[in-house]
C-alpha atoms as a PDB file:
ATOM      1  CA  MET A   1      65.025  93.026  79.947  1.00  0.00           C
ATOM      2  CA  GLU A   2      66.836  92.800  75.483  1.00  0.00           C
ATOM      3  CA  VAL A   3      68.379  89.235  75.480  1.00  0.00           C
ATOM      4  CA  SER A   4      71.712  88.427  74.448  1.00  0.00           C
ATOM      5  CA  ASN A   5      72.280  88.439  70.435  1.00  0.00           C
ATOM      6  CA  PHE A   6      74.345  87.982  67.102  1.00  0.00           C
ATOM      7  CA  ILE A   7      74.274  88.065  63.753  1.00  0.00           C
ATOM      8  CA  TYR A   8      76.344  87.062  60.891  1.00  0.00           C
ATOM      9  CA  PRO A   9      77.220  88.075  58.694  1.00  0.00           C
ATOM     10  CA  ASN A  10      78.042  91.624  59.748  1.00  0.00           C
ATOM     11  CA  PRO A  11      78.892  93.407  58.308  1.00  0.00           C
ATOM     12  CA  THR A  12      76.165  91.880  55.468  1.00  0.00           C
ATOM     13  CA  SER A  13      75.878  91.842  51.225  1.00  0.00           C
ATOM     14  CA  GLY A  14      71.751  91.002  51.872  1.00  0.00           C
ATOM     15  CA  GLU A  15      71.905  88.021  53.625  1.00  0.00           C
ATOM     16  CA  THR A  16      72.285  88.096  57.884  1.00  0.00           C
ATOM     17  CA  ILE A  17      70.943  85.516  60.025  1.00  0.00           C
ATOM     18  CA  LEU A  18      70.142  86.922  63.676  1.00  0.00           C
ATOM     19  CA  LYS A  19      70.092  84.375  67.065  1.00  0.00           C
ATOM     20  CA  ALA A  20      68.850  85.253  70.247  1.00  0.00           C
ATOM     21  CA  ASN A  21      69.921  83.041  73.300  1.00  0.00           C
ATOM     22  CA  GLU A  22      65.850  82.820  73.795  1.00  0.00           C
ATOM     23  CA  GLN A  23      62.998  81.994  72.416  1.00  0.00           C
ATOM     24  CA  LEU A  24      61.278  84.652  70.735  1.00  0.00           C
ATOM     25  CA  ASN A  25      56.414  83.763  70.417  1.00  0.00           C
ATOM     26  CA  SER A  26      54.885  86.747  67.949  1.00  0.00           C
ATOM     27  CA  ALA A  27      57.520  89.539  67.987  1.00  0.00           C
ATOM     28  CA  MET A  28      57.689  91.763  65.269  1.00  0.00           C
ATOM     29  CA  LEU A  29      61.655  93.057  63.092  1.00  0.00           C
ATOM     30  CA  LYS A  30      61.646  96.438  62.542  1.00  0.00           C
ATOM     31  CA  VAL A  31      64.821  97.788  61.052  1.00  0.00           C
ATOM     32  CA  TYR A  32      65.244 101.318  60.030  1.00  0.00           C
ATOM     33  CA  ASN A  33      67.439 103.459  57.851  1.00  0.00           C
ATOM     34  CA  GLU A  34      70.201 105.959  59.710  1.00  0.00           C
ATOM     35  CA  LEU A  35      67.091 108.424  58.686  1.00  0.00           C
ATOM     36  CA  GLY A  36      64.881 106.602  60.857  1.00  0.00           C
ATOM     37  CA  GLU A  37      62.375 105.179  59.022  1.00  0.00           C
ATOM     38  CA  VAL A  38      61.485 101.770  58.715  1.00  0.00           C
ATOM     39  CA  VAL A  39      62.525 100.092  55.163  1.00  0.00           C
ATOM     40  CA  HIS A  40      61.725  96.062  56.769  1.00  0.00           C
ATOM     41  CA  ILE A  41      59.214  94.633  58.580  1.00  0.00           C
ATOM     42  CA  LEU A  42      58.782  91.357  60.239  1.00  0.00           C
ATOM     43  CA  THR A  43      55.877  89.383  62.104  1.00  0.00           C
ATOM     44  CA  ASP A  44      54.495  86.606  63.961  1.00  0.00           C
ATOM     45  CA  ILE A  45      58.692  85.901  65.102  1.00  0.00           C
ATOM     46  CA  SER A  46      58.984  82.616  66.818  1.00  0.00           C
ATOM     47  CA  GLY A  47      61.660  80.902  67.790  1.00  0.00           C
ATOM     48  CA  ASP A  48      65.740  81.857  68.365  1.00  0.00           C
ATOM     49  CA  GLU A  49      67.007  82.410  64.634  1.00  0.00           C
ATOM     50  CA  VAL A  50      65.772  84.764  62.179  1.00  0.00           C
ATOM     51  CA  LYS A  51      67.001  85.066  58.897  1.00  0.00           C
ATOM     52  CA  LEU A  52      66.728  88.151  57.349  1.00  0.00           C
ATOM     53  CA  HIS A  53      66.750  88.956  53.146  1.00  0.00           C
ATOM     54  CA  LEU A  54      68.265  92.449  53.115  1.00  0.00           C
ATOM     55  CA  ASP A  55      69.570  92.831  49.654  1.00  0.00           C
ATOM     56  CA  ASN A  56      67.203  95.287  48.460  1.00  0.00           C
ATOM     57  CA  LEU A  57      68.230  97.986  50.647  1.00  0.00           C
ATOM     58  CA  GLN A  58      71.373 100.235  50.558  1.00  0.00           C
ATOM     59  CA  ARG A  59      74.550 100.472  51.825  1.00  0.00           C
ATOM     60  CA  GLY A  60      75.157 101.687  54.991  1.00  0.00           C
ATOM     61  CA  MET A  61      74.001 101.117  58.198  1.00  0.00           C
ATOM     62  CA  TYR A  62      70.494  99.675  59.381  1.00  0.00           C
ATOM     63  CA  MET A  63      69.454  99.176  63.205  1.00  0.00           C
ATOM     64  CA  VAL A  64      67.268  96.087  63.919  1.00  0.00           C
ATOM     65  CA  ILE A  65      64.872  96.089  66.504  1.00  0.00           C
ATOM     66  CA  ILE A  66      63.255  92.903  67.869  1.00  0.00           C
ATOM     67  CA  THR A  67      59.499  93.923  69.811  1.00  0.00           C
ATOM     68  CA  GLU A  68      57.971  91.349  72.022  1.00  0.00           C
ATOM     69  CA  ASN A  69      54.798  92.756  74.021  1.00  0.00           C
ATOM     70  CA  GLU A  70      55.487  95.644  72.985  1.00  0.00           C
ATOM     71  CA  SER A  71      59.127  95.373  75.157  1.00  0.00           C
ATOM     72  CA  ILE A  72      61.524  96.289  73.682  1.00  0.00           C
ATOM     73  CA  VAL A  73      63.711  92.618  73.342  1.00  0.00           C
ATOM     74  CA  LEU A  74      66.388  93.037  71.351  1.00  0.00           C
ATOM     75  CA  ARG A  75      68.580  96.091  69.142  1.00  0.00           C
ATOM     76  CA  THR A  76      71.214  95.826  67.243  1.00  0.00           C
ATOM     77  CA  LYS A  77      73.371  97.774  63.651  1.00  0.00           C
ATOM     78  CA  ILE A  78      74.309  95.931  61.098  1.00  0.00           C
ATOM     79  CA  ILE A  79      76.083  96.627  57.579  1.00  0.00           C
ATOM     80  CA  ILE A  80      75.223  96.549  54.342  1.00  0.00           C
ATOM     81  CA  THR A  81      77.747  96.639  51.838  1.00  0.00           C
ATOM     82  CA  ASP A  82      77.583  96.041  47.884  1.00  0.00           C
END
């Protein structure tokens, strides 16, 4: 079951915060580019807020997926600008 979430700022120039309405416990976050390639990974995420530093990524749209116990709990898109 996916949890409600919001991400701000979105679009972003590199740093953004992803907030879930439920606590995460030992979750994994992956960021995928438009080709489906993993470009960023965070592991062992706990709590309801994740700060992402994506300044090394080129501008474009990315998919952010958080999994917990092998189930997708959060899926959202983020846009990186200059």
